[in-house]
Amino acid sequence: MFAGLVGQSEGNLRSVIATVEAIAPCVLWIDEIEKGFSGARSSGVADGGTASRVFGTFLSWMQEKTAPVFVVATANDVTQLPPELLRKGRFDELFFIDLPSEEERQAIWQLQVAKYGRSPDKFDLVALSRATEGFTGSEIEQLVIDALYDAFSRREEPTGLSAMLVLNQTVPLSKLMGEQVAGLRSWAKGRARPATKAAQEASGRRILASA
């Protein structure tokens, strides 16, 4: 969206807005929104105010739009976003997506094993889901891929055992960057709704227990 010529960035955003309104009703998905708007506060010093003007145009559109465009955005670090973007009326709700639970990890293992043409029945999905506590869905997918390569090098079919061998050599991001993950979880308490039903129920039980 951002371009080098003066005024071109603002024109690109207006073009995007015109496109999504022309095809409405639709969902506008903005991935890692903090990467685009985190510099809006220092825009006057960093880029002559371009990011600030683009951000202001986007805010005005979100507030005043009448076309049925449902806006969904993801952010790895919500604290980098300007507060005016997060208020009700622009984004109506904030959801915190935590690391997958044991049940969710088991479902991810089943999906990923089947995705790469292998039968989930040949894998101990319960044991694998328990062993991958703290792993993300993408990390579990990479474990399946690594297990395929490892089995191929030995001219064998991958099994739960080969996945376990690869697992023992893998450090998940939740451990590698444990402080940052703990910080995000701490920030989300009381500020964002849990994204999964199980997390919502657990949160409800904690509130009842404290009451």
Protein backbone atom coordinates (compact mmCIF):
# COMPACT_ATOMS: atom_id res chain seq x y z
CA MET A 1 0.00 0.00 0.00
CA PHE A 2 2.81 2.43 0.81
CA ALA A 3 4.66 3.92 -2.15
CA GLY A 4 7.53 6.30 -2.77
CA LEU A 5 5.77 9.15 -4.58
CA VAL A 6 4.08 11.95 -2.63
CA GLY A 7 0.37 11.23 -2.31
CA GLN A 8 0.59 7.77 -3.86
CA SER A 9 0.16 5.94 -0.54
CA GLU A 10 -3.04 7.81 0.23
CA GLY A 11 -4.24 7.09 -3.31
CA ASN A 12 -3.50 3.39 -2.90
CA LEU A 13 -5.61 3.25 0.27
CA ARG A 14 -8.50 5.04 -1.43
CA SER A 15 -8.27 2.50 -4.26
CA VAL A 16 -8.41 -0.38 -1.77
CA ILE A 17 -11.43 1.15 -0.02
CA ALA A 18 -13.22 1.68 -3.34
CA THR A 19 -12.53 -1.94 -4.33
CA VAL A 20 -13.83 -3.53 -1.12
CA GLU A 21 -16.94 -1.34 -1.15
CA ALA A 22 -17.58 -2.24 -4.79
CA ILE A 23 -17.56 -5.98 -4.03
CA ALA A 24 -19.42 -5.70 -0.69
CA PRO A 25 -20.78 -7.57 1.17
CA CYS A 26 -17.35 -8.96 1.93
CA VAL A 27 -14.77 -9.55 4.65
CA LEU A 28 -11.64 -7.38 4.62
CA TRP A 29 -8.81 -9.34 6.23
CA ILE A 30 -5.79 -7.30 7.37
CA ASP A 31 -2.89 -9.52 8.44
CA GLU A 32 -0.40 -8.19 11.02
CA ILE A 33 -1.99 -4.76 11.10
CA GLU A 34 0.54 -3.43 13.61
CA LYS A 35 3.27 -3.64 10.95
CA GLY A 36 1.45 -1.07 8.84
CA PHE A 37 0.22 1.36 11.49
CA SER A 38 2.70 1.10 14.37
CA GLY A 39 4.72 4.04 13.00
CA ALA A 40 1.78 6.42 12.74
CA ARG A 41 2.70 8.20 15.98
CA SER A 42 6.21 9.15 14.79
CA SER A 43 5.15 9.66 11.19
CA GLY A 44 5.82 13.40 11.20
CA VAL A 45 9.50 12.76 11.90
CA ALA A 46 10.02 9.48 10.06
CA ASP A 47 8.17 9.87 6.74
CA GLY A 48 6.83 13.40 6.50
CA GLY A 49 3.43 12.39 7.87
CA THR A 50 2.54 9.82 5.19
CA ALA A 51 1.76 6.98 7.62
CA SER A 52 -0.25 9.37 9.81
CA ARG A 53 -2.38 10.53 6.88
CA VAL A 54 -2.97 6.98 5.67
CA PHE A 55 -3.89 5.93 9.19
CA GLY A 56 -6.28 8.86 9.59
CA THR A 57 -8.00 8.02 6.31
CA PHE A 58 -8.41 4.40 7.40
CA LEU A 59 -9.84 5.45 10.79
CA SER A 60 -12.34 7.79 9.16
CA TRP A 61 -13.47 5.07 6.77
CA MET A 62 -13.94 2.52 9.58
CA GLN A 63 -16.00 5.02 11.56
CA GLU A 64 -18.17 6.30 8.72
CA LYS A 65 -18.46 3.38 6.27
CA THR A 66 -21.96 2.35 5.30
CA ALA A 67 -21.06 -0.49 2.92
CA PRO A 68 -21.36 -3.99 4.46
CA VAL A 69 -17.63 -4.61 4.82
CA PHE A 70 -16.70 -6.72 7.87
CA VAL A 71 -13.14 -5.87 8.93
CA VAL A 72 -10.99 -8.51 10.63
CA ALA A 73 -7.37 -7.87 11.57
CA THR A 74 -4.60 -9.87 13.23
CA ALA A 75 -1.72 -8.53 15.30
CA ASN A 76 1.21 -10.26 16.93
CA ASP A 77 1.67 -7.38 19.38
CA VAL A 78 -1.45 -5.31 20.07
CA THR A 79 0.51 -2.92 22.30
CA GLN A 80 2.11 -1.48 19.16
CA LEU A 81 -1.24 -0.26 17.85
CA PRO A 82 -2.52 3.29 18.42
CA PRO A 83 -5.33 3.28 21.03
CA GLU A 84 -7.76 5.16 18.78
CA LEU A 85 -7.79 2.18 16.41
CA LEU A 86 -8.99 -0.22 19.12
CA ARG A 87 -11.96 1.64 20.51
CA LYS A 88 -15.50 0.34 20.13
CA GLY A 89 -17.13 1.38 16.89
CA ARG A 90 -14.01 0.59 14.92
CA PHE A 91 -13.07 -2.84 16.19
CA ASP A 92 -16.04 -4.03 18.21
CA GLU A 93 -14.20 -6.87 19.94
CA LEU A 94 -10.67 -8.02 20.70
CA PHE A 95 -9.94 -11.75 20.84
CA PHE A 96 -6.81 -13.35 22.26
CA ILE A 97 -5.72 -16.54 20.51
CA ASP A 98 -3.61 -18.52 22.94
CA LEU A 99 -1.50 -21.60 22.25
CA PRO A 100 -3.64 -24.64 21.35
CA SER A 101 -4.93 -26.85 24.15
CA GLU A 102 -4.29 -30.60 24.28
CA GLU A 103 -7.58 -31.34 22.52
CA GLU A 104 -6.84 -28.74 19.86
CA ARG A 105 -3.31 -30.08 19.34
CA GLN A 106 -4.71 -33.56 18.80
CA ALA A 107 -7.03 -32.21 16.10
CA ILE A 108 -4.10 -30.33 14.51
CA TRP A 109 -1.98 -33.50 14.45
CA GLN A 110 -4.82 -35.39 12.77
CA LEU A 111 -5.30 -32.69 10.14
CA GLN A 112 -1.60 -32.29 9.37
CA VAL A 113 -0.87 -36.00 9.12
CA ALA A 114 -3.79 -36.44 6.72
CA LYS A 115 -2.73 -33.33 4.79
CA TYR A 116 0.57 -35.00 3.86
CA GLY A 117 -1.06 -38.20 2.68
CA ARG A 118 -0.57 -40.40 5.75
CA SER A 119 -3.15 -42.19 7.88
CA PRO A 120 -3.66 -40.62 11.33
CA ASP A 121 -4.50 -44.10 12.64
CA LYS A 122 -0.81 -45.02 12.46
CA PHE A 123 0.09 -42.21 14.86
CA ASP A 124 -0.57 -42.07 18.58
CA LEU A 125 -2.28 -38.70 18.42
CA VAL A 126 -3.01 -38.59 22.15
CA ALA A 127 0.65 -39.10 23.08
CA LEU A 128 1.81 -36.62 20.44
CA SER A 129 -0.66 -33.96 21.57
CA ARG A 130 0.50 -34.33 25.17
CA ALA A 131 4.17 -34.21 24.16
CA THR A 132 3.70 -31.01 22.13
CA GLU A 133 2.41 -28.79 24.92
CA GLY A 134 3.36 -25.20 24.08
CA PHE A 135 3.64 -25.87 20.33
CA THR A 136 1.77 -23.79 17.77
CA GLY A 137 -0.14 -25.25 14.84
CA SER A 138 2.61 -24.28 12.38
CA GLU A 139 5.23 -25.90 14.58
CA ILE A 140 3.24 -29.14 14.65
CA GLU A 141 2.99 -29.02 10.85
CA GLN A 142 6.76 -28.63 10.63
CA LEU A 143 7.19 -31.65 12.93
CA VAL A 144 5.13 -33.72 10.48
CA ILE A 145 7.28 -32.51 7.58
CA ASP A 146 10.52 -33.23 9.45
CA ALA A 147 9.24 -36.69 10.38
CA LEU A 148 8.55 -37.36 6.69
CA TYR A 149 12.09 -36.35 5.73
CA ASP A 150 13.57 -38.39 8.57
CA ALA A 151 11.61 -41.50 7.59
CA PHE A 152 12.45 -41.00 3.92
CA SER A 153 16.17 -40.90 4.72
CA ARG A 154 15.78 -44.34 6.35
CA ARG A 155 13.53 -45.61 3.52
CA GLU A 156 10.63 -46.05 5.93
CA GLU A 157 7.15 -44.69 6.39
CA PRO A 158 6.76 -42.06 9.13
CA THR A 159 5.19 -43.19 12.39
CA GLY A 160 4.48 -41.69 15.76
CA LEU A 161 7.94 -42.84 16.87
CA SER A 162 9.71 -40.91 14.11
CA ALA A 163 7.62 -37.84 14.99
CA MET A 164 8.68 -38.22 18.63
CA LEU A 165 12.35 -38.40 17.62
CA VAL A 166 12.02 -35.13 15.69
CA LEU A 167 10.03 -33.61 18.54
CA ASN A 168 12.85 -34.23 21.02
CA GLN A 169 15.14 -32.07 18.87
CA THR A 170 12.71 -29.14 18.56
CA VAL A 171 12.40 -26.12 20.86
CA PRO A 172 9.00 -24.41 20.51
CA LEU A 173 8.71 -20.65 20.24
CA SER A 174 6.77 -20.54 23.51
CA LYS A 175 9.93 -21.73 25.27
CA LEU A 176 12.40 -19.81 23.13
CA MET A 177 10.49 -16.55 23.65
CA GLY A 178 8.78 -17.47 26.90
CA GLU A 179 8.98 -14.00 28.43
CA GLN A 180 7.22 -12.38 25.47
CA VAL A 181 4.49 -15.04 25.42
CA ALA A 182 3.92 -14.58 29.16
CA GLY A 183 3.75 -10.82 28.61
CA LEU A 184 1.08 -11.18 25.92
CA ARG A 185 -0.96 -13.48 28.13
CA SER A 186 -0.71 -11.03 31.00
CA TRP A 187 -1.79 -8.16 28.75
CA ALA A 188 -4.78 -10.11 27.44
CA LYS A 189 -6.27 -10.82 30.89
CA GLY A 190 -9.21 -8.48 31.33
CA ARG A 191 -8.54 -6.73 28.02
CA ALA A 192 -9.42 -9.33 25.39
CA ARG A 193 -11.88 -12.19 25.11
CA PRO A 194 -10.51 -15.74 24.77
CA ALA A 195 -10.92 -16.91 21.19
CA THR A 196 -11.75 -20.55 21.91
CA LYS A 197 -14.80 -21.96 23.70
CA ALA A 198 -12.67 -23.97 26.15
CA ALA A 199 -10.70 -20.85 27.12
CA GLN A 200 -13.91 -18.87 27.57
CA GLU A 201 -15.34 -21.56 29.86
CA ALA A 202 -12.10 -21.68 31.87
CA SER A 203 -12.14 -17.90 32.18
CA GLY A 204 -15.75 -18.02 33.36
CA ARG A 205 -14.87 -20.60 36.01
CA ARG A 206 -12.03 -18.39 37.29
CA ILE A 207 -14.39 -15.42 37.59
CA LEU A 208 -16.95 -17.50 39.51
CA ALA A 209 -14.24 -18.88 41.78
CA SER A 210 -12.92 -15.41 42.59
CA ALA A 211 -16.44 -14.13 43.27
